Amino acid sequence: MEKYFSKAKFNQVNQTFYLFNLAEFAFENANVDMQNKILQKLKTTKGWEKELGGSFDTQIFKKYNIKL
């Protein structure tokens, strides 16, 4: 994950779903290290907002009280 995750842009729809599933997994399992990496990626990439911004907002950000 380390090698590819840091380089990924998450601009394509399938990649965005992968990022969403990773985020959901990290927060459901309280994996703080993975959560921090995902939040950093969400702050530095914008492709996910177009495709799944609403899903991230309702299913992850609000549920786990996250502010980007």
PDB file of N, CA and C in Angstrom:
ATOM      1  N   MET A   1       0.825  -1.194   0.000  1.00  0.00           N
ATOM      2  CA  MET A   1       0.000   0.000   0.000  1.00  0.00           C
ATOM      3  C   MET A   1       0.870   1.260   0.000  1.00  0.00           C
ATOM      4  N   GLU A   2       1.898   1.258   0.811  1.00  0.00           N
ATOM      5  CA  GLU A   2       2.770   2.435   0.927  1.00  0.00           C
ATOM      6  C   GLU A   2       3.297   2.896  -0.422  1.00  0.00           C
ATOM      7  N   LYS A   3       3.800   1.967  -1.186  1.00  0.00           N
ATOM      8  CA  LYS A   3       4.461   2.288  -2.447  1.00  0.00           C
ATOM      9  C   LYS A   3       3.504   2.930  -3.444  1.00  0.00           C
ATOM     10  N   TYR A   4       2.319   2.396  -3.598  1.00  0.00           N
ATOM     11  CA  TYR A   4       1.387   2.868  -4.614  1.00  0.00           C
ATOM     12  C   TYR A   4       0.440   3.954  -4.115  1.00  0.00           C
ATOM     13  N   PHE A   5       0.069   3.890  -2.855  1.00  0.00           N
ATOM     14  CA  PHE A   5      -0.904   4.839  -2.325  1.00  0.00           C
ATOM     15  C   PHE A   5      -0.393   6.274  -2.379  1.00  0.00           C
ATOM     16  N   SER A   6       0.847   6.478  -2.031  1.00  0.00           N
ATOM     17  CA  SER A   6       1.401   7.833  -1.999  1.00  0.00           C
ATOM     18  C   SER A   6       1.471   8.460  -3.397  1.00  0.00           C
ATOM     19  N   LYS A   7       1.582   7.637  -4.437  1.00  0.00           N
ATOM     20  CA  LYS A   7       1.685   8.140  -5.805  1.00  0.00           C
ATOM     21  C   LYS A   7       0.338   8.243  -6.520  1.00  0.00           C
ATOM     22  N   ALA A   8      -0.673   7.602  -6.001  1.00  0.00           N
ATOM     23  CA  ALA A   8      -1.980   7.556  -6.662  1.00  0.00           C
ATOM     24  C   ALA A   8      -2.644   8.931  -6.658  1.00  0.00           C
ATOM     25  N   LYS A   9      -3.318   9.250  -7.751  1.00  0.00           N
ATOM     26  CA  LYS A   9      -4.002  10.541  -7.900  1.00  0.00           C
ATOM     27  C   LYS A   9      -5.498  10.439  -7.626  1.00  0.00           C
ATOM     28  N   PHE A  10      -6.078   9.257  -7.742  1.00  0.00           N
ATOM     29  CA  PHE A  10      -7.499   9.018  -7.499  1.00  0.00           C
ATOM     30  C   PHE A  10      -8.378   9.942  -8.331  1.00  0.00           C
ATOM     31  N   ASN A  11      -8.070  10.027  -9.615  1.00  0.00           N
ATOM     32  CA  ASN A  11      -8.843  10.866 -10.532  1.00  0.00           C
ATOM     33  C   ASN A  11      -9.909  10.091 -11.284  1.00  0.00           C
ATOM     34  N   GLN A  12      -9.752   8.797 -11.425  1.00  0.00           N
ATOM     35  CA  GLN A  12     -10.713   7.985 -12.164  1.00  0.00           C
ATOM     36  C   GLN A  12     -11.764   7.419 -11.201  1.00  0.00           C
ATOM     37  N   VAL A  13     -12.932   7.126 -11.735  1.00  0.00           N
ATOM     38  CA  VAL A  13     -14.052   6.671 -10.909  1.00  0.00           C
ATOM     39  C   VAL A  13     -13.686   5.421 -10.102  1.00  0.00           C
ATOM     40  N   ASN A  14     -13.096   4.427 -10.728  1.00  0.00           N
ATOM     41  CA  ASN A  14     -12.747   3.195 -10.020  1.00  0.00           C
ATOM     42  C   ASN A  14     -11.746   3.465  -8.902  1.00  0.00           C
ATOM     43  N   GLN A  15     -10.811   4.351  -9.148  1.00  0.00           N
ATOM     44  CA  GLN A  15      -9.825   4.700  -8.128  1.00  0.00           C
ATOM     45  C   GLN A  15     -10.490   5.413  -6.962  1.00  0.00           C
ATOM     46  N   THR A  16     -11.480   6.226  -7.249  1.00  0.00           N
ATOM     47  CA  THR A  16     -12.200   6.950  -6.214  1.00  0.00           C
ATOM     48  C   THR A  16     -12.956   5.983  -5.309  1.00  0.00           C
ATOM     49  N   PHE A  17     -13.568   4.965  -5.893  1.00  0.00           N
ATOM     50  CA  PHE A  17     -14.256   3.956  -5.090  1.00  0.00           C
ATOM     51  C   PHE A  17     -13.261   3.179  -4.227  1.00  0.00           C
ATOM     52  N   TYR A  18     -12.096   2.915  -4.751  1.00  0.00           N
ATOM     53  CA  TYR A  18     -11.043   2.249  -3.989  1.00  0.00           C
ATOM     54  C   TYR A  18     -10.651   3.110  -2.784  1.00  0.00           C
ATOM     55  N   LEU A  19     -10.475   4.390  -3.001  1.00  0.00           N
ATOM     56  CA  LEU A  19     -10.124   5.304  -1.913  1.00  0.00           C
ATOM     57  C   LEU A  19     -11.238   5.345  -0.870  1.00  0.00           C
ATOM     58  N   PHE A  20     -12.479   5.388  -1.324  1.00  0.00           N
ATOM     59  CA  PHE A  20     -13.610   5.404  -0.397  1.00  0.00           C
ATOM     60  C   PHE A  20     -13.638   4.126   0.441  1.00  0.00           C
ATOM     61  N   ASN A  21     -13.460   2.987  -0.195  1.00  0.00           N
ATOM     62  CA  ASN A  21     -13.461   1.714   0.534  1.00  0.00           C
ATOM     63  C   ASN A  21     -12.310   1.623   1.522  1.00  0.00           C
ATOM     64  N   LEU A  22     -11.152   2.123   1.145  1.00  0.00           N
ATOM     65  CA  LEU A  22     -10.017   2.155   2.081  1.00  0.00           C
ATOM     66  C   LEU A  22     -10.328   3.040   3.284  1.00  0.00           C
ATOM     67  N   ALA A  23     -10.912   4.196   3.022  1.00  0.00           N
ATOM     68  CA  ALA A  23     -11.253   5.114   4.108  1.00  0.00           C
ATOM     69  C   ALA A  23     -12.280   4.484   5.035  1.00  0.00           C
ATOM     70  N   GLU A  24     -13.282   3.875   4.473  1.00  0.00           N
ATOM     71  CA  GLU A  24     -14.317   3.221   5.269  1.00  0.00           C
ATOM     72  C   GLU A  24     -13.711   2.124   6.141  1.00  0.00           C
ATOM     73  N   PHE A  25     -12.838   1.314   5.559  1.00  0.00           N
ATOM     74  CA  PHE A  25     -12.161   0.253   6.307  1.00  0.00           C
ATOM     75  C   PHE A  25     -11.322   0.822   7.447  1.00  0.00           C
ATOM     76  N   ALA A  26     -10.550   1.864   7.146  1.00  0.00           N
ATOM     77  CA  ALA A  26      -9.656   2.450   8.151  1.00  0.00           C
ATOM     78  C   ALA A  26     -10.438   3.009   9.344  1.00  0.00           C
ATOM     79  N   PHE A  27     -11.542   3.675   9.077  1.00  0.00           N
ATOM     80  CA  PHE A  27     -12.304   4.260  10.174  1.00  0.00           C
ATOM     81  C   PHE A  27     -13.123   3.230  10.932  1.00  0.00           C
ATOM     82  N   GLU A  28     -13.654   2.241  10.259  1.00  0.00           N
ATOM     83  CA  GLU A  28     -14.407   1.186  10.945  1.00  0.00           C
ATOM     84  C   GLU A  28     -13.504   0.358  11.847  1.00  0.00           C
ATOM     85  N   ASN A  29     -12.243   0.220  11.476  1.00  0.00           N
ATOM     86  CA  ASN A  29     -11.307  -0.595  12.246  1.00  0.00           C
ATOM     87  C   ASN A  29     -10.357   0.225  13.115  1.00  0.00           C
ATOM     88  N   ALA A  30     -10.608   1.516  13.207  1.00  0.00           N
ATOM     89  CA  ALA A  30      -9.816   2.424  14.058  1.00  0.00           C
ATOM     90  C   ALA A  30      -8.319   2.322  13.781  1.00  0.00           C
ATOM     91  N   ASN A  31      -7.950   2.218  12.520  1.00  0.00           N
ATOM     92  CA  ASN A  31      -6.551   2.170  12.121  1.00  0.00           C
ATOM     93  C   ASN A  31      -6.064   3.612  11.932  1.00  0.00           C
ATOM     94  N   VAL A  32      -5.499   4.174  12.981  1.00  0.00           N
ATOM     95  CA  VAL A  32      -5.135   5.589  13.008  1.00  0.00           C
ATOM     96  C   VAL A  32      -4.075   5.931  11.971  1.00  0.00           C
ATOM     97  N   ASP A  33      -3.091   5.081  11.792  1.00  0.00           N
ATOM     98  CA  ASP A  33      -2.037   5.346  10.808  1.00  0.00           C
ATOM     99  C   ASP A  33      -2.632   5.432   9.399  1.00  0.00           C
ATOM    100  N   MET A  34      -3.477   4.474   9.069  1.00  0.00           N
ATOM    101  CA  MET A  34      -4.116   4.465   7.760  1.00  0.00           C
ATOM    102  C   MET A  34      -5.066   5.656   7.619  1.00  0.00           C
ATOM    103  N   GLN A  35      -5.778   5.993   8.660  1.00  0.00           N
ATOM    104  CA  GLN A  35      -6.684   7.148   8.637  1.00  0.00           C
ATOM    105  C   GLN A  35      -5.925   8.423   8.311  1.00  0.00           C
ATOM    106  N   ASN A  36      -4.807   8.623   8.962  1.00  0.00           N
ATOM    107  CA  ASN A  36      -4.005   9.828   8.733  1.00  0.00           C
ATOM    108  C   ASN A  36      -3.508   9.911   7.288  1.00  0.00           C
ATOM    109  N   LYS A  37      -3.070   8.792   6.741  1.00  0.00           N
ATOM    110  CA  LYS A  37      -2.594   8.774   5.354  1.00  0.00           C
ATOM    111  C   LYS A  37      -3.737   9.067   4.385  1.00  0.00           C
ATOM    112  N   ILE A  38      -4.896   8.512   4.657  1.00  0.00           N
ATOM    113  CA  ILE A  38      -6.051   8.739   3.785  1.00  0.00           C
ATOM    114  C   ILE A  38      -6.508  10.186   3.876  1.00  0.00           C
ATOM    115  N   LEU A  39      -6.570  10.739   5.065  1.00  0.00           N
ATOM    116  CA  LEU A  39      -6.981  12.137   5.216  1.00  0.00           C
ATOM    117  C   LEU A  39      -6.000  13.072   4.520  1.00  0.00           C
ATOM    118  N   GLN A  40      -4.718  12.772   4.612  1.00  0.00           N
ATOM    119  CA  GLN A  40      -3.719  13.580   3.918  1.00  0.00           C
ATOM    120  C   GLN A  40      -3.922  13.500   2.406  1.00  0.00           C
ATOM    121  N   LYS A  41      -4.225  12.307   1.906  1.00  0.00           N
ATOM    122  CA  LYS A  41      -4.467  12.124   0.477  1.00  0.00           C
ATOM    123  C   LYS A  41      -5.725  12.881   0.053  1.00  0.00           C
ATOM    124  N   LEU A  42      -6.752  12.864   0.879  1.00  0.00           N
ATOM    125  CA  LEU A  42      -7.988  13.582   0.566  1.00  0.00           C
ATOM    126  C   LEU A  42      -7.746  15.089   0.506  1.00  0.00           C
ATOM    127  N   LYS A  43      -6.838  15.569   1.325  1.00  0.00           N
ATOM    128  CA  LYS A  43      -6.520  17.003   1.331  1.00  0.00           C
ATOM    129  C   LYS A  43      -5.704  17.412   0.111  1.00  0.00           C
ATOM    130  N   THR A  44      -4.925  16.483  -0.436  1.00  0.00           N
ATOM    131  CA  THR A  44      -4.011  16.837  -1.526  1.00  0.00           C
ATOM    132  C   THR A  44      -4.510  16.435  -2.907  1.00  0.00           C
ATOM    133  N   THR A  45      -5.597  15.693  -2.981  1.00  0.00           N
ATOM    134  CA  THR A  45      -6.192  15.335  -4.274  1.00  0.00           C
ATOM    135  C   THR A  45      -7.638  15.814  -4.285  1.00  0.00           C
ATOM    136  N   LYS A  46      -8.147  16.067  -5.456  1.00  0.00           N
ATOM    137  CA  LYS A  46      -9.509  16.602  -5.542  1.00  0.00           C
ATOM    138  C   LYS A  46     -10.449  15.766  -6.403  1.00  0.00           C
ATOM    139  N   GLY A  47      -9.954  14.746  -7.087  1.00  0.00           N
ATOM    140  CA  GLY A  47     -10.792  13.931  -7.964  1.00  0.00           C
ATOM    141  C   GLY A  47     -11.936  13.240  -7.235  1.00  0.00           C
ATOM    142  N   TRP A  48     -11.725  12.874  -6.005  1.00  0.00           N
ATOM    143  CA  TRP A  48     -12.743  12.171  -5.231  1.00  0.00           C
ATOM    144  C   TRP A  48     -13.957  13.050  -4.947  1.00  0.00           C
ATOM    145  N   GLU A  49     -13.769  14.360  -4.841  1.00  0.00           N
ATOM    146  CA  GLU A  49     -14.877  15.264  -4.510  1.00  0.00           C
ATOM    147  C   GLU A  49     -15.958  15.238  -5.589  1.00  0.00           C
ATOM    148  N   LYS A  50     -15.547  15.175  -6.836  1.00  0.00           N
ATOM    149  CA  LYS A  50     -16.492  15.175  -7.951  1.00  0.00           C
ATOM    150  C   LYS A  50     -17.342  13.905  -7.963  1.00  0.00           C
ATOM    151  N   GLU A  51     -16.712  12.781  -7.772  1.00  0.00           N
ATOM    152  CA  GLU A  51     -17.399  11.496  -7.877  1.00  0.00           C
ATOM    153  C   GLU A  51     -18.120  11.077  -6.596  1.00  0.00           C
ATOM    154  N   LEU A  52     -17.441  11.208  -5.471  1.00  0.00           N
ATOM    155  CA  LEU A  52     -17.990  10.663  -4.225  1.00  0.00           C
ATOM    156  C   LEU A  52     -17.962  11.641  -3.059  1.00  0.00           C
ATOM    157  N   GLY A  53     -17.916  12.919  -3.334  1.00  0.00           N
ATOM    158  CA  GLY A  53     -17.864  13.902  -2.257  1.00  0.00           C
ATOM    159  C   GLY A  53     -19.011  13.758  -1.278  1.00  0.00           C
ATOM    160  N   GLY A  54     -20.221  13.558  -1.775  1.00  0.00           N
ATOM    161  CA  GLY A  54     -21.389  13.395  -0.911  1.00  0.00           C
ATOM    162  C   GLY A  54     -21.318  12.132  -0.086  1.00  0.00           C
ATOM    163  N   SER A  55     -20.832  11.057  -0.669  1.00  0.00           N
ATOM    164  CA  SER A  55     -20.702   9.791   0.065  1.00  0.00           C
ATOM    165  C   SER A  55     -19.653   9.906   1.166  1.00  0.00           C
ATOM    166  N   PHE A  56     -18.535  10.520   0.862  1.00  0.00           N
ATOM    167  CA  PHE A  56     -17.517  10.735   1.887  1.00  0.00           C
ATOM    168  C   PHE A  56     -18.100  11.573   3.021  1.00  0.00           C
ATOM    169  N   ASP A  57     -18.824  12.616   2.651  1.00  0.00           N
ATOM    170  CA  ASP A  57     -19.384  13.518   3.651  1.00  0.00           C
ATOM    171  C   ASP A  57     -20.359  12.805   4.581  1.00  0.00           C
ATOM    172  N   THR A  58     -21.324  12.090   4.020  1.00  0.00           N
ATOM    173  CA  THR A  58     -22.355  11.482   4.858  1.00  0.00           C
ATOM    174  C   THR A  58     -21.924  10.181   5.514  1.00  0.00           C
ATOM    175  N   GLN A  59     -21.149   9.372   4.835  1.00  0.00           N
ATOM    176  CA  GLN A  59     -20.823   8.051   5.358  1.00  0.00           C
ATOM    177  C   GLN A  59     -19.526   7.978   6.152  1.00  0.00           C
ATOM    178  N   ILE A  60     -18.672   8.974   6.007  1.00  0.00           N
ATOM    179  CA  ILE A  60     -17.407   8.928   6.745  1.00  0.00           C
ATOM    180  C   ILE A  60     -17.209  10.191   7.580  1.00  0.00           C
ATOM    181  N   PHE A  61     -17.217  11.362   6.943  1.00  0.00           N
ATOM    182  CA  PHE A  61     -16.900  12.593   7.660  1.00  0.00           C
ATOM    183  C   PHE A  61     -17.878  12.871   8.803  1.00  0.00           C
ATOM    184  N   LYS A  62     -19.162  12.827   8.526  1.00  0.00           N
ATOM    185  CA  LYS A  62     -20.155  13.093   9.578  1.00  0.00           C
ATOM    186  C   LYS A  62     -20.190  11.973  10.606  1.00  0.00           C
ATOM    187  N   LYS A  63     -20.098  10.754  10.152  1.00  0.00           N
ATOM    188  CA  LYS A  63     -20.168   9.590  11.050  1.00  0.00           C
ATOM    189  C   LYS A  63     -19.028   9.592  12.054  1.00  0.00           C
ATOM    190  N   TYR A  64     -17.829   9.980  11.609  1.00  0.00           N
ATOM    191  CA  TYR A  64     -16.656   9.954  12.471  1.00  0.00           C
ATOM    192  C   TYR A  64     -16.193  11.347  12.887  1.00  0.00           C
ATOM    193  N   ASN A  65     -17.046  12.341  12.650  1.00  0.00           N
ATOM    194  CA  ASN A  65     -16.781  13.725  13.059  1.00  0.00           C
ATOM    195  C   ASN A  65     -15.429  14.229  12.541  1.00  0.00           C
ATOM    196  N   ILE A  66     -15.264  14.185  11.230  1.00  0.00           N
ATOM    197  CA  ILE A  66     -14.008  14.579  10.583  1.00  0.00           C
ATOM    198  C   ILE A  66     -14.193  15.884   9.837  1.00  0.00           C
ATOM    199  N   LYS A  67     -13.242  16.768  10.018  1.00  0.00           N
ATOM    200  CA  LYS A  67     -13.210  18.032   9.288  1.00  0.00           C
ATOM    201  C   LYS A  67     -11.944  18.044   8.450  1.00  0.00           C
ATOM    202  N   LEU A  68     -12.100  18.270   7.140  1.00  0.00           N
ATOM    203  CA  LEU A  68     -10.914  18.395   6.282  1.00  0.00           C
ATOM    204  C   LEU A  68     -10.547  19.831   6.291  1.00  0.00           C
TER     205      LEU A  68
END
